[in-house]
Amino acid sequence: MPVNPFDKASRFAAKLDAPGFLGWLLGAPAEALVFRRWLDTRGLPFPGGDPDRTSDTVAHLDNAAEHGVPWAVAVEFQTVPDPDMFGRLLGYLAGLWLTLRPDAGRGSRFHVGAAVVNLTGTGAASRDLRWPGTGLATHLGVVERNLERESADELLGGIESGRWSRCLLPWVPLMTGGGDPGIIDRWKLLAEGEPDRRRRAEYSGIAQLFAERAGRKAVWQAKLEGWNVEESTVVNEWIAIGEKRGETRGRVEGRVEGRLEGRTEGQQTSLLGVLARKYGTVPEDVVASVRGTTDADRLQDWLWLVATAPDLAAFRQQAGI
């Protein structure tokens, strides 16, 4: 599958300071959990989508409050929420429980759980399925962070107070208030406190990549111009991938004027045209969904899905239409 620079950057950012990131993600103080390592899950494919896709962000954590009970926590990042994430996580956690062991002791098993970070949109991966009177029940409680609903101001306040780690700085552009010039000024002061020059470059590069995803690229570039001359090679590669991906989208979309506010009508028309050229007749309910969507980012993602989905059914499933 094509490389998703936002997914790559998310996984990289999560590993800059694993205890700091996981503590914030789970809302737990530092003393409540012990990070052991990222588990090797290369032999366990993630259900759905690419059959070769594996998750490299499954954390081995110990619950300090319960005498070190071991947990395997799968952390997933989504540019746009996947309506099938509940089922995919259910299958993946079953595989984790059956396959991995915290140690060589007889009967040793992980407790398993999952957390999802949605870069845009609002996900709903948790389910509590019950049949009253029968005793049948299936429950999956997922920790889900919808970054567009997180407060940039509150996060920066937590970092300023020492509650949260500076490793969370790259995520600020995706949050509520993440394009405010005052927020970016506070961000710069906190980033300047990072003694590692390479780490500062990573904060800056990933933040600007995420700012592009949030439609805040111009203000972040202007604010950070000349701020940190050090650059991150790996982040620059993702930025280049993002630009190349954008060019590919442009060819698929027929050079749609897609990311300018107020131009969604052109995106809708182009999307329907591409759907018709690739799949033939477009069902009326799909046409209605496209015409009724005014979120420019969502339309842009649907246009990208057309390039990768093998048929209309797969497109509808991935787009949630």
C-alpha atoms as a PDB file:
ATOM      1  CA  MET A   1       0.000   0.000   0.000  1.00  0.00           C
ATOM      2  CA  PRO A   2       1.186   3.617  -0.507  1.00  0.00           C
ATOM      3  CA  VAL A   3       3.165   5.032   2.387  1.00  0.00           C
ATOM      4  CA  ASN A   4       1.069   7.267   4.637  1.00  0.00           C
ATOM      5  CA  PRO A   5       3.421   9.956   6.013  1.00  0.00           C
ATOM      6  CA  PHE A   6       0.996  10.895   8.794  1.00  0.00           C
ATOM      7  CA  ASP A   7       0.867   7.298  10.026  1.00  0.00           C
ATOM      8  CA  LYS A   8       4.657   7.026   9.886  1.00  0.00           C
ATOM      9  CA  ALA A   9       5.090  10.315  11.730  1.00  0.00           C
ATOM     10  CA  SER A  10       2.550   9.290  14.380  1.00  0.00           C
ATOM     11  CA  ARG A  11       4.351   6.075  15.180  1.00  0.00           C
ATOM     12  CA  PHE A  12       7.685   7.842  15.276  1.00  0.00           C
ATOM     13  CA  ALA A  13       6.338  10.578  17.566  1.00  0.00           C
ATOM     14  CA  ALA A  14       4.858   8.015  19.957  1.00  0.00           C
ATOM     15  CA  LYS A  15       8.301   6.445  20.376  1.00  0.00           C
ATOM     16  CA  LEU A  16      10.190   9.667  21.101  1.00  0.00           C
ATOM     17  CA  ASP A  17       9.341   9.198  24.779  1.00  0.00           C
ATOM     18  CA  ALA A  18       7.167   6.108  25.155  1.00  0.00           C
ATOM     19  CA  PRO A  19       6.378   6.471  28.899  1.00  0.00           C
ATOM     20  CA  GLY A  20       5.522  10.146  28.454  1.00  0.00           C
ATOM     21  CA  PHE A  21       3.291   9.542  25.442  1.00  0.00           C
ATOM     22  CA  LEU A  22       1.523   6.499  26.910  1.00  0.00           C
ATOM     23  CA  GLY A  23       0.931   8.229  30.245  1.00  0.00           C
ATOM     24  CA  TRP A  24      -0.900  11.050  28.470  1.00  0.00           C
ATOM     25  CA  LEU A  25      -2.746   8.689  26.112  1.00  0.00           C
ATOM     26  CA  LEU A  26      -4.086   6.598  28.987  1.00  0.00           C
ATOM     27  CA  GLY A  27      -4.526   9.563  31.336  1.00  0.00           C
ATOM     28  CA  ALA A  28      -2.291   7.900  33.916  1.00  0.00           C
ATOM     29  CA  PRO A  29       0.338   9.492  36.176  1.00  0.00           C
ATOM     30  CA  ALA A  30       3.910   8.377  35.621  1.00  0.00           C
ATOM     31  CA  GLU A  31       3.967   6.218  38.734  1.00  0.00           C
ATOM     32  CA  ALA A  32       0.859   4.253  37.683  1.00  0.00           C
ATOM     33  CA  LEU A  33       2.452   2.411  34.783  1.00  0.00           C
ATOM     34  CA  VAL A  34       5.805   0.900  33.952  1.00  0.00           C
ATOM     35  CA  PHE A  35       6.791   0.820  30.287  1.00  0.00           C
ATOM     36  CA  ARG A  36       8.829  -2.309  29.523  1.00  0.00           C
ATOM     37  CA  ARG A  37       9.217  -2.298  25.740  1.00  0.00           C
ATOM     38  CA  TRP A  38       7.494  -2.208  22.374  1.00  0.00           C
ATOM     39  CA  LEU A  39       6.539  -5.801  21.615  1.00  0.00           C
ATOM     40  CA  ASP A  40       7.660  -7.607  18.469  1.00  0.00           C
ATOM     41  CA  THR A  41       4.417  -8.377  16.637  1.00  0.00           C
ATOM     42  CA  ARG A  42       5.808  -8.921  13.133  1.00  0.00           C
ATOM     43  CA  GLY A  43       4.261 -12.389  12.987  1.00  0.00           C
ATOM     44  CA  LEU A  44       0.792 -11.094  13.801  1.00  0.00           C
ATOM     45  CA  PRO A  45      -0.941  -9.246  10.908  1.00  0.00           C
ATOM     46  CA  PHE A  46      -3.459  -6.534  11.709  1.00  0.00           C
ATOM     47  CA  PRO A  47      -6.930  -7.611  10.455  1.00  0.00           C
ATOM     48  CA  GLY A  48      -8.415  -5.866   7.426  1.00  0.00           C
ATOM     49  CA  GLY A  49      -6.836  -3.759   4.711  1.00  0.00           C
ATOM     50  CA  ASP A  50      -3.300  -4.780   3.791  1.00  0.00           C
ATOM     51  CA  PRO A  51      -2.719  -8.443   4.750  1.00  0.00           C
ATOM     52  CA  ASP A  52       0.974  -7.691   5.329  1.00  0.00           C
ATOM     53  CA  ARG A  53       0.264  -4.807   7.697  1.00  0.00           C
ATOM     54  CA  THR A  54       1.598  -5.294  11.233  1.00  0.00           C
ATOM     55  CA  SER A  55       1.474  -2.992  14.244  1.00  0.00           C
ATOM     56  CA  ASP A  56       4.819  -1.926  15.717  1.00  0.00           C
ATOM     57  CA  THR A  57       3.230   0.101  18.514  1.00  0.00           C
ATOM     58  CA  VAL A  58       2.086  -2.578  20.951  1.00  0.00           C
ATOM     59  CA  ALA A  59       3.357  -1.620  24.394  1.00  0.00           C
ATOM     60  CA  HIS A  60       4.250  -3.987  27.206  1.00  0.00           C
ATOM     61  CA  LEU A  61       3.098  -2.109  30.319  1.00  0.00           C
ATOM     62  CA  ASP A  62       2.966  -3.174  33.952  1.00  0.00           C
ATOM     63  CA  ASN A  63       0.137  -1.940  36.156  1.00  0.00           C
ATOM     64  CA  ALA A  64       2.026  -0.641  39.179  1.00  0.00           C
ATOM     65  CA  ALA A  65      -1.141  -0.382  41.262  1.00  0.00           C
ATOM     66  CA  GLU A  66      -1.790  -4.129  40.892  1.00  0.00           C
ATOM     67  CA  HIS A  67       1.671  -5.463  41.667  1.00  0.00           C
ATOM     68  CA  GLY A  68       2.899  -5.270  38.091  1.00  0.00           C
ATOM     69  CA  VAL A  69       0.092  -7.058  36.184  1.00  0.00           C
ATOM     70  CA  PRO A  70       1.410  -7.185  32.569  1.00  0.00           C
ATOM     71  CA  TRP A  71      -0.593  -5.559  29.785  1.00  0.00           C
ATOM     72  CA  ALA A  72      -0.129  -5.641  26.014  1.00  0.00           C
ATOM     73  CA  VAL A  73      -1.674  -2.387  24.765  1.00  0.00           C
ATOM     74  CA  ALA A  74      -2.124  -1.971  21.007  1.00  0.00           C
ATOM     75  CA  VAL A  75      -1.865   1.692  19.968  1.00  0.00           C
ATOM     76  CA  GLU A  76      -3.388   2.559  16.593  1.00  0.00           C
ATOM     77  CA  PHE A  77      -3.250   5.843  14.689  1.00  0.00           C
ATOM     78  CA  GLN A  78      -5.879   6.848  12.135  1.00  0.00           C
ATOM     79  CA  THR A  79      -5.798   9.825   9.809  1.00  0.00           C
ATOM     80  CA  VAL A  80      -9.569   9.358   9.449  1.00  0.00           C
ATOM     81  CA  PRO A  81     -11.640   7.079  11.769  1.00  0.00           C
ATOM     82  CA  ASP A  82     -12.267   3.588  10.426  1.00  0.00           C
ATOM     83  CA  PRO A  83     -15.879   2.426  11.036  1.00  0.00           C
ATOM     84  CA  ASP A  84     -14.615  -1.174  11.226  1.00  0.00           C
ATOM     85  CA  MET A  85     -12.002  -0.506  13.911  1.00  0.00           C
ATOM     86  CA  PHE A  86     -14.003  -2.309  16.613  1.00  0.00           C
ATOM     87  CA  GLY A  87     -13.929  -5.563  14.670  1.00  0.00           C
ATOM     88  CA  ARG A  88     -10.322  -5.172  13.622  1.00  0.00           C
ATOM     89  CA  LEU A  89      -9.185  -4.528  17.188  1.00  0.00           C
ATOM     90  CA  LEU A  90     -11.276  -7.400  18.508  1.00  0.00           C
ATOM     91  CA  GLY A  91      -9.509  -9.792  16.148  1.00  0.00           C
ATOM     92  CA  TYR A  92      -6.087  -8.310  16.790  1.00  0.00           C
ATOM     93  CA  LEU A  93      -6.347  -8.421  20.581  1.00  0.00           C
ATOM     94  CA  ALA A  94      -7.425 -12.060  20.368  1.00  0.00           C
ATOM     95  CA  GLY A  95      -4.269 -12.774  18.378  1.00  0.00           C
ATOM     96  CA  LEU A  96      -2.129 -10.910  20.911  1.00  0.00           C
ATOM     97  CA  TRP A  97      -3.613 -12.862  23.800  1.00  0.00           C
ATOM     98  CA  LEU A  98      -3.122 -16.206  22.071  1.00  0.00           C
ATOM     99  CA  THR A  99       0.342 -15.529  20.647  1.00  0.00           C
ATOM    100  CA  LEU A 100       2.392 -13.409  23.029  1.00  0.00           C
ATOM    101  CA  ARG A 101       3.550 -14.127  26.576  1.00  0.00           C
ATOM    102  CA  PRO A 102       4.983 -11.655  29.101  1.00  0.00           C
ATOM    103  CA  ASP A 103       7.449 -14.317  30.306  1.00  0.00           C
ATOM    104  CA  ALA A 104       8.237 -18.031  30.059  1.00  0.00           C
ATOM    105  CA  GLY A 105       6.151 -18.989  33.095  1.00  0.00           C
ATOM    106  CA  ARG A 106       3.505 -21.664  32.654  1.00  0.00           C
ATOM    107  CA  GLY A 107       0.111 -20.108  31.988  1.00  0.00           C
ATOM    108  CA  SER A 108       1.588 -16.631  31.716  1.00  0.00           C
ATOM    109  CA  ARG A 109      -0.728 -14.311  29.783  1.00  0.00           C
ATOM    110  CA  PHE A 110      -0.979 -10.630  29.008  1.00  0.00           C
ATOM    111  CA  HIS A 111      -4.001  -8.591  29.848  1.00  0.00           C
ATOM    112  CA  VAL A 112      -4.821  -6.966  26.520  1.00  0.00           C
ATOM    113  CA  GLY A 113      -6.238  -3.568  25.604  1.00  0.00           C
ATOM    114  CA  ALA A 114      -6.233  -0.974  22.861  1.00  0.00           C
ATOM    115  CA  ALA A 115      -5.942   2.769  22.391  1.00  0.00           C
ATOM    116  CA  VAL A 116      -6.735   4.719  19.224  1.00  0.00           C
ATOM    117  CA  VAL A 117      -5.554   8.200  18.244  1.00  0.00           C
ATOM    118  CA  ASN A 118      -7.659   9.872  15.546  1.00  0.00           C
ATOM    119  CA  LEU A 119      -5.719  12.664  13.871  1.00  0.00           C
ATOM    120  CA  THR A 120      -8.971  14.040  12.432  1.00  0.00           C
ATOM    121  CA  GLY A 121     -12.606  13.215  12.954  1.00  0.00           C
ATOM    122  CA  THR A 122     -14.303  11.395  15.816  1.00  0.00           C
ATOM    123  CA  GLY A 123     -14.022   7.641  16.170  1.00  0.00           C
ATOM    124  CA  ALA A 124     -16.207   5.094  17.958  1.00  0.00           C
ATOM    125  CA  ALA A 125     -14.173   1.921  18.347  1.00  0.00           C
ATOM    126  CA  SER A 126     -15.671   0.823  21.689  1.00  0.00           C
ATOM    127  CA  ARG A 127     -18.693  -1.482  21.840  1.00  0.00           C
ATOM    128  CA  ASP A 128     -20.836  -2.936  24.646  1.00  0.00           C
ATOM    129  CA  LEU A 129     -23.019  -5.609  23.054  1.00  0.00           C
ATOM    130  CA  ARG A 130     -25.532  -7.350  25.325  1.00  0.00           C
ATOM    131  CA  TRP A 131     -28.576  -9.574  24.940  1.00  0.00           C
ATOM    132  CA  PRO A 132     -30.669  -9.003  28.078  1.00  0.00           C
ATOM    133  CA  GLY A 133     -31.885 -12.140  29.773  1.00  0.00           C
ATOM    134  CA  THR A 134     -29.448 -14.462  28.027  1.00  0.00           C
ATOM    135  CA  GLY A 135     -26.148 -13.610  29.645  1.00  0.00           C
ATOM    136  CA  LEU A 136     -24.589 -12.976  26.229  1.00  0.00           C
ATOM    137  CA  ALA A 137     -22.262  -9.984  26.188  1.00  0.00           C
ATOM    138  CA  THR A 138     -19.267  -8.720  24.234  1.00  0.00           C
ATOM    139  CA  HIS A 139     -17.492  -5.651  25.535  1.00  0.00           C
ATOM    140  CA  LEU A 140     -14.492  -3.821  24.157  1.00  0.00           C
ATOM    141  CA  GLY A 141     -13.475  -0.622  25.903  1.00  0.00           C
ATOM    142  CA  VAL A 142     -11.008   1.353  23.791  1.00  0.00           C
ATOM    143  CA  VAL A 143      -9.161   4.458  24.956  1.00  0.00           C
ATOM    144  CA  GLU A 144      -9.814   6.856  22.089  1.00  0.00           C
ATOM    145  CA  ARG A 145      -8.253  10.287  21.633  1.00  0.00           C
ATOM    146  CA  ASN A 146      -9.863  12.498  18.996  1.00  0.00           C
ATOM    147  CA  LEU A 147      -7.207  15.149  18.574  1.00  0.00           C
ATOM    148  CA  GLU A 148      -9.496  17.748  17.007  1.00  0.00           C
ATOM    149  CA  ARG A 149     -11.426  17.713  20.302  1.00  0.00           C
ATOM    150  CA  GLU A 150      -8.325  17.953  22.496  1.00  0.00           C
ATOM    151  CA  SER A 151      -7.376  21.410  23.782  1.00  0.00           C
ATOM    152  CA  ALA A 152      -3.958  22.666  22.676  1.00  0.00           C
ATOM    153  CA  ASP A 153      -4.079  25.188  25.510  1.00  0.00           C
ATOM    154  CA  GLU A 154      -4.655  22.485  28.146  1.00  0.00           C
ATOM    155  CA  LEU A 155      -1.953  20.239  26.732  1.00  0.00           C
ATOM    156  CA  LEU A 156       0.614  23.051  26.739  1.00  0.00           C
ATOM    157  CA  GLY A 157      -0.429  23.927  30.285  1.00  0.00           C
ATOM    158  CA  GLY A 158       0.228  20.322  31.309  1.00  0.00           C
ATOM    159  CA  ILE A 159       3.666  20.399  29.718  1.00  0.00           C
ATOM    160  CA  GLU A 160       4.439  23.771  31.331  1.00  0.00           C
ATOM    161  CA  SER A 161       3.497  22.393  34.757  1.00  0.00           C
ATOM    162  CA  GLY A 162       5.606  19.275  34.280  1.00  0.00           C
ATOM    163  CA  ARG A 163       2.622  16.939  34.294  1.00  0.00           C
ATOM    164  CA  TRP A 164       3.127  15.901  30.666  1.00  0.00           C
ATOM    165  CA  SER A 165       6.239  15.312  28.576  1.00  0.00           C
ATOM    166  CA  ARG A 166       7.541  17.609  25.825  1.00  0.00           C
ATOM    167  CA  CYS A 167       7.212  14.601  23.506  1.00  0.00           C
ATOM    168  CA  LEU A 168       3.562  15.621  23.057  1.00  0.00           C
ATOM    169  CA  LEU A 169       4.484  18.874  21.296  1.00  0.00           C
ATOM    170  CA  PRO A 170       4.259  17.442  17.740  1.00  0.00           C
ATOM    171  CA  TRP A 171       0.523  16.767  18.179  1.00  0.00           C
ATOM    172  CA  VAL A 172      -0.454  20.360  19.044  1.00  0.00           C
ATOM    173  CA  PRO A 173      -1.286  21.522  15.459  1.00  0.00           C
ATOM    174  CA  LEU A 174      -4.035  18.891  15.227  1.00  0.00           C
ATOM    175  CA  MET A 175      -5.814  20.090  18.374  1.00  0.00           C
ATOM    176  CA  THR A 176      -8.426  22.737  19.061  1.00  0.00           C
ATOM    177  CA  GLY A 177      -6.612  26.072  19.036  1.00  0.00           C
ATOM    178  CA  GLY A 178      -3.620  24.485  17.330  1.00  0.00           C
ATOM    179  CA  GLY A 179      -3.474  27.240  14.701  1.00  0.00           C
ATOM    180  CA  ASP A 180      -3.600  30.148  17.150  1.00  0.00           C
ATOM    181  CA  PRO A 181      -0.440  32.312  16.912  1.00  0.00           C
ATOM    182  CA  GLY A 182      -0.320  32.606  20.717  1.00  0.00           C
ATOM    183  CA  ILE A 183      -0.406  28.819  21.057  1.00  0.00           C
ATOM    184  CA  ILE A 184       2.462  28.502  18.581  1.00  0.00           C
ATOM    185  CA  ASP A 185       4.507  31.062  20.550  1.00  0.00           C
ATOM    186  CA  ARG A 186       4.035  28.999  23.725  1.00  0.00           C
ATOM    187  CA  TRP A 187       4.906  25.874  21.740  1.00  0.00           C
ATOM    188  CA  LYS A 188       8.188  27.464  20.650  1.00  0.00           C
ATOM    189  CA  LEU A 189       9.148  28.375  24.218  1.00  0.00           C
ATOM    190  CA  LEU A 190       8.544  24.815  25.384  1.00  0.00           C
ATOM    191  CA  ALA A 191      10.402  23.326  22.427  1.00  0.00           C
ATOM    192  CA  GLU A 192      13.356  25.632  23.079  1.00  0.00           C
ATOM    193  CA  GLY A 193      13.648  24.002  26.508  1.00  0.00           C
ATOM    194  CA  GLU A 194      14.508  20.685  24.843  1.00  0.00           C
ATOM    195  CA  PRO A 195      18.291  20.268  25.250  1.00  0.00           C
ATOM    196  CA  ASP A 196      18.638  17.780  22.387  1.00  0.00           C
ATOM    197  CA  ARG A 197      18.958  19.685  19.084  1.00  0.00           C
ATOM    198  CA  ARG A 198      17.968  16.667  17.040  1.00  0.00           C
ATOM    199  CA  ARG A 199      14.847  16.190  19.146  1.00  0.00           C
ATOM    200  CA  ARG A 200      13.907  19.851  18.672  1.00  0.00           C
ATOM    201  CA  ALA A 201      14.190  19.335  14.909  1.00  0.00           C
ATOM    202  CA  GLU A 202      11.919  16.303  15.134  1.00  0.00           C
ATOM    203  CA  TYR A 203       9.328  18.260  17.122  1.00  0.00           C
ATOM    204  CA  SER A 204       9.394  21.029  14.530  1.00  0.00           C
ATOM    205  CA  GLY A 205       9.283  18.780  11.462  1.00  0.00           C
ATOM    206  CA  ILE A 206       6.465  16.536  12.696  1.00  0.00           C
ATOM    207  CA  ALA A 207       4.448  19.516  13.942  1.00  0.00           C
ATOM    208  CA  GLN A 208       4.643  21.148  10.512  1.00  0.00           C
ATOM    209  CA  LEU A 209       3.654  17.884   8.826  1.00  0.00           C
ATOM    210  CA  PHE A 210       0.619  17.589  11.107  1.00  0.00           C
ATOM    211  CA  ALA A 211      -0.156  21.278  10.575  1.00  0.00           C
ATOM    212  CA  GLU A 212      -0.459  20.532   6.856  1.00  0.00           C
ATOM    213  CA  ARG A 213      -2.970  17.769   7.664  1.00  0.00           C
ATOM    214  CA  ALA A 214      -4.978  20.174   9.824  1.00  0.00           C
ATOM    215  CA  GLY A 215      -5.001  22.933   7.191  1.00  0.00           C
ATOM    216  CA  ARG A 216      -2.676  25.097   9.319  1.00  0.00           C
ATOM    217  CA  LYS A 217       0.511  24.745   7.322  1.00  0.00           C
ATOM    218  CA  ALA A 218       0.919  28.432   6.431  1.00  0.00           C
ATOM    219  CA  VAL A 219       0.678  29.808   9.968  1.00  0.00           C
ATOM    220  CA  TRP A 220       3.048  27.203  11.403  1.00  0.00           C
ATOM    221  CA  GLN A 221       5.602  27.688   8.643  1.00  0.00           C
ATOM    222  CA  ALA A 222       5.487  31.455   9.115  1.00  0.00           C
ATOM    223  CA  LYS A 223       5.879  31.186  12.885  1.00  0.00           C
ATOM    224  CA  LEU A 224       8.701  28.643  12.749  1.00  0.00           C
ATOM    225  CA  GLU A 225      10.618  30.232   9.878  1.00  0.00           C
ATOM    226  CA  GLY A 226      14.228  30.594  10.972  1.00  0.00           C
ATOM    227  CA  TRP A 227      13.411  29.327  14.463  1.00  0.00           C
ATOM    228  CA  ASN A 228      15.362  26.067  14.337  1.00  0.00           C
ATOM    229  CA  VAL A 229      17.865  25.622  11.534  1.00  0.00           C
ATOM    230  CA  GLU A 230      18.526  22.016  12.488  1.00  0.00           C
ATOM    231  CA  GLU A 231      16.523  19.609  10.325  1.00  0.00           C
ATOM    232  CA  SER A 232      15.441  16.009  10.773  1.00  0.00           C
ATOM    233  CA  THR A 233      16.353  13.810   7.813  1.00  0.00           C
ATOM    234  CA  VAL A 234      13.667  11.223   8.544  1.00  0.00           C
ATOM    235  CA  VAL A 235      10.927  13.848   8.904  1.00  0.00           C
ATOM    236  CA  ASN A 236      12.032  15.534   5.687  1.00  0.00           C
ATOM    237  CA  GLU A 237      11.573  12.186   3.939  1.00  0.00           C
ATOM    238  CA  TRP A 238       7.978  11.983   5.186  1.00  0.00           C
ATOM    239  CA  ILE A 239       7.307  15.532   4.054  1.00  0.00           C
ATOM    240  CA  ALA A 240       8.625  14.602   0.607  1.00  0.00           C
ATOM    241  CA  ILE A 241       6.394  11.512   0.599  1.00  0.00           C
ATOM    242  CA  GLY A 242       3.455  13.706   1.543  1.00  0.00           C
ATOM    243  CA  GLU A 243       4.177  16.048  -1.352  1.00  0.00           C
ATOM    244  CA  LYS A 244       4.515  13.131  -3.776  1.00  0.00           C
ATOM    245  CA  ARG A 245       1.288  11.646  -2.402  1.00  0.00           C
ATOM    246  CA  GLY A 246      -0.397  14.953  -3.012  1.00  0.00           C
ATOM    247  CA  GLU A 247       0.775  14.907  -6.632  1.00  0.00           C
ATOM    248  CA  THR A 248      -0.637  11.398  -7.036  1.00  0.00           C
ATOM    249  CA  ARG A 249      -3.931  12.515  -5.579  1.00  0.00           C
ATOM    250  CA  GLY A 250      -3.965  15.401  -7.979  1.00  0.00           C
ATOM    251  CA  ARG A 251      -3.716  13.059 -10.967  1.00  0.00           C
ATOM    252  CA  VAL A 252      -6.470  10.812  -9.617  1.00  0.00           C
ATOM    253  CA  GLU A 253      -8.733  13.754  -8.815  1.00  0.00           C
ATOM    254  CA  GLY A 254      -8.348  15.411 -12.205  1.00  0.00           C
ATOM    255  CA  ARG A 255      -6.479  18.359 -10.651  1.00  0.00           C
ATOM    256  CA  VAL A 256      -9.250  19.143  -8.165  1.00  0.00           C
ATOM    257  CA  GLU A 257      -9.018  22.492  -6.373  1.00  0.00           C
ATOM    258  CA  GLY A 258      -9.418  20.485  -3.187  1.00  0.00           C
ATOM    259  CA  ARG A 259      -7.936  22.077  -0.130  1.00  0.00           C
ATOM    260  CA  LEU A 260      -9.129  25.652  -0.371  1.00  0.00           C
ATOM    261  CA  GLU A 261     -11.944  26.515   1.983  1.00  0.00           C
ATOM    262  CA  GLY A 262     -15.257  27.021   0.256  1.00  0.00           C
ATOM    263  CA  ARG A 263     -14.326  24.919  -2.793  1.00  0.00           C
ATOM    264  CA  THR A 264     -16.002  21.683  -1.702  1.00  0.00           C
ATOM    265  CA  GLU A 265     -18.491  21.743  -4.580  1.00  0.00           C
ATOM    266  CA  GLY A 266     -15.629  21.243  -7.032  1.00  0.00           C
ATOM    267  CA  GLN A 267     -14.303  18.365  -4.931  1.00  0.00           C
ATOM    268  CA  GLN A 268     -17.724  16.707  -4.839  1.00  0.00           C
ATOM    269  CA  THR A 269     -18.100  16.920  -8.614  1.00  0.00           C
ATOM    270  CA  SER A 270     -14.601  15.568  -9.219  1.00  0.00           C
ATOM    271  CA  LEU A 271     -15.036  12.732  -6.736  1.00  0.00           C
ATOM    272  CA  LEU A 272     -18.260  11.615  -8.380  1.00  0.00           C
ATOM    273  CA  GLY A 273     -16.603  11.822 -11.780  1.00  0.00           C
ATOM    274  CA  VAL A 274     -13.657   9.669 -10.665  1.00  0.00           C
ATOM    275  CA  LEU A 275     -16.029   7.158  -9.051  1.00  0.00           C
ATOM    276  CA  ALA A 276     -18.013   6.877 -12.273  1.00  0.00           C
ATOM    277  CA  ARG A 277     -14.893   6.474 -14.438  1.00  0.00           C
ATOM    278  CA  LYS A 278     -13.430   3.787 -12.203  1.00  0.00           C
ATOM    279  CA  TYR A 279     -16.495   1.873 -11.010  1.00  0.00           C
ATOM    280  CA  GLY A 280     -19.249   2.706 -13.511  1.00  0.00           C
ATOM    281  CA  THR A 281     -22.697   3.806 -12.342  1.00  0.00           C
ATOM    282  CA  VAL A 282     -22.587   5.449  -8.907  1.00  0.00           C
ATOM    283  CA  PRO A 283     -25.474   4.442  -6.585  1.00  0.00           C
ATOM    284  CA  GLU A 284     -27.841   7.246  -5.566  1.00  0.00           C
ATOM    285  CA  ASP A 285     -27.051   6.907  -1.853  1.00  0.00           C
ATOM    286  CA  VAL A 286     -23.336   7.361  -2.578  1.00  0.00           C
ATOM    287  CA  VAL A 287     -24.103  10.453  -4.668  1.00  0.00           C
ATOM    288  CA  ALA A 288     -26.212  11.810  -1.797  1.00  0.00           C
ATOM    289  CA  SER A 289     -23.435  11.162   0.729  1.00  0.00           C
ATOM    290  CA  VAL A 290     -20.855  12.920  -1.423  1.00  0.00           C
ATOM    291  CA  ARG A 291     -23.102  15.901  -2.178  1.00  0.00           C
ATOM    292  CA  GLY A 292     -24.005  16.163   1.507  1.00  0.00           C
ATOM    293  CA  THR A 293     -20.375  16.272   2.674  1.00  0.00           C
ATOM    294  CA  THR A 294     -18.833  19.730   3.014  1.00  0.00           C
ATOM    295  CA  ASP A 295     -15.721  18.689   4.945  1.00  0.00           C
ATOM    296  CA  ALA A 296     -12.869  19.378   2.507  1.00  0.00           C
ATOM    297  CA  ASP A 297     -10.450  17.031   4.280  1.00  0.00           C
ATOM    298  CA  ARG A 298     -12.920  14.163   4.233  1.00  0.00           C
ATOM    299  CA  LEU A 299     -13.603  14.634   0.524  1.00  0.00           C
ATOM    300  CA  GLN A 300      -9.849  14.707  -0.073  1.00  0.00           C
ATOM    301  CA  ASP A 301      -9.438  11.404   1.770  1.00  0.00           C
ATOM    302  CA  TRP A 302     -12.267   9.834  -0.211  1.00  0.00           C
ATOM    303  CA  LEU A 303     -10.560  10.878  -3.409  1.00  0.00           C
ATOM    304  CA  TRP A 304      -7.427   9.107  -2.231  1.00  0.00           C
ATOM    305  CA  LEU A 305      -9.425   5.999  -1.365  1.00  0.00           C
ATOM    306  CA  VAL A 306     -10.664   5.789  -4.962  1.00  0.00           C
ATOM    307  CA  ALA A 307      -7.050   5.329  -6.040  1.00  0.00           C
ATOM    308  CA  THR A 308      -6.497   2.379  -3.704  1.00  0.00           C
ATOM    309  CA  ALA A 309      -9.870   0.631  -3.298  1.00  0.00           C
ATOM    310  CA  PRO A 310     -10.169  -2.339  -5.703  1.00  0.00           C
ATOM    311  CA  ASP A 311     -13.934  -2.009  -6.146  1.00  0.00           C
ATOM    312  CA  LEU A 312     -16.902   0.126  -5.131  1.00  0.00           C
ATOM    313  CA  ALA A 313     -17.770  -2.084  -2.157  1.00  0.00           C
ATOM    314  CA  ALA A 314     -14.274  -1.670  -0.728  1.00  0.00           C
ATOM    315  CA  PHE A 315     -14.437   2.074  -1.270  1.00  0.00           C
ATOM    316  CA  ARG A 316     -17.778   2.312   0.521  1.00  0.00           C
ATOM    317  CA  GLN A 317     -16.530   0.226   3.438  1.00  0.00           C
ATOM    318  CA  GLN A 318     -13.351   2.272   3.907  1.00  0.00           C
ATOM    319  CA  ALA A 319     -15.129   5.596   3.437  1.00  0.00           C
ATOM    320  CA  GLY A 320     -17.989   4.654   5.762  1.00  0.00           C
ATOM    321  CA  ILE A 321     -20.648   5.421   3.142  1.00  0.00           C
END
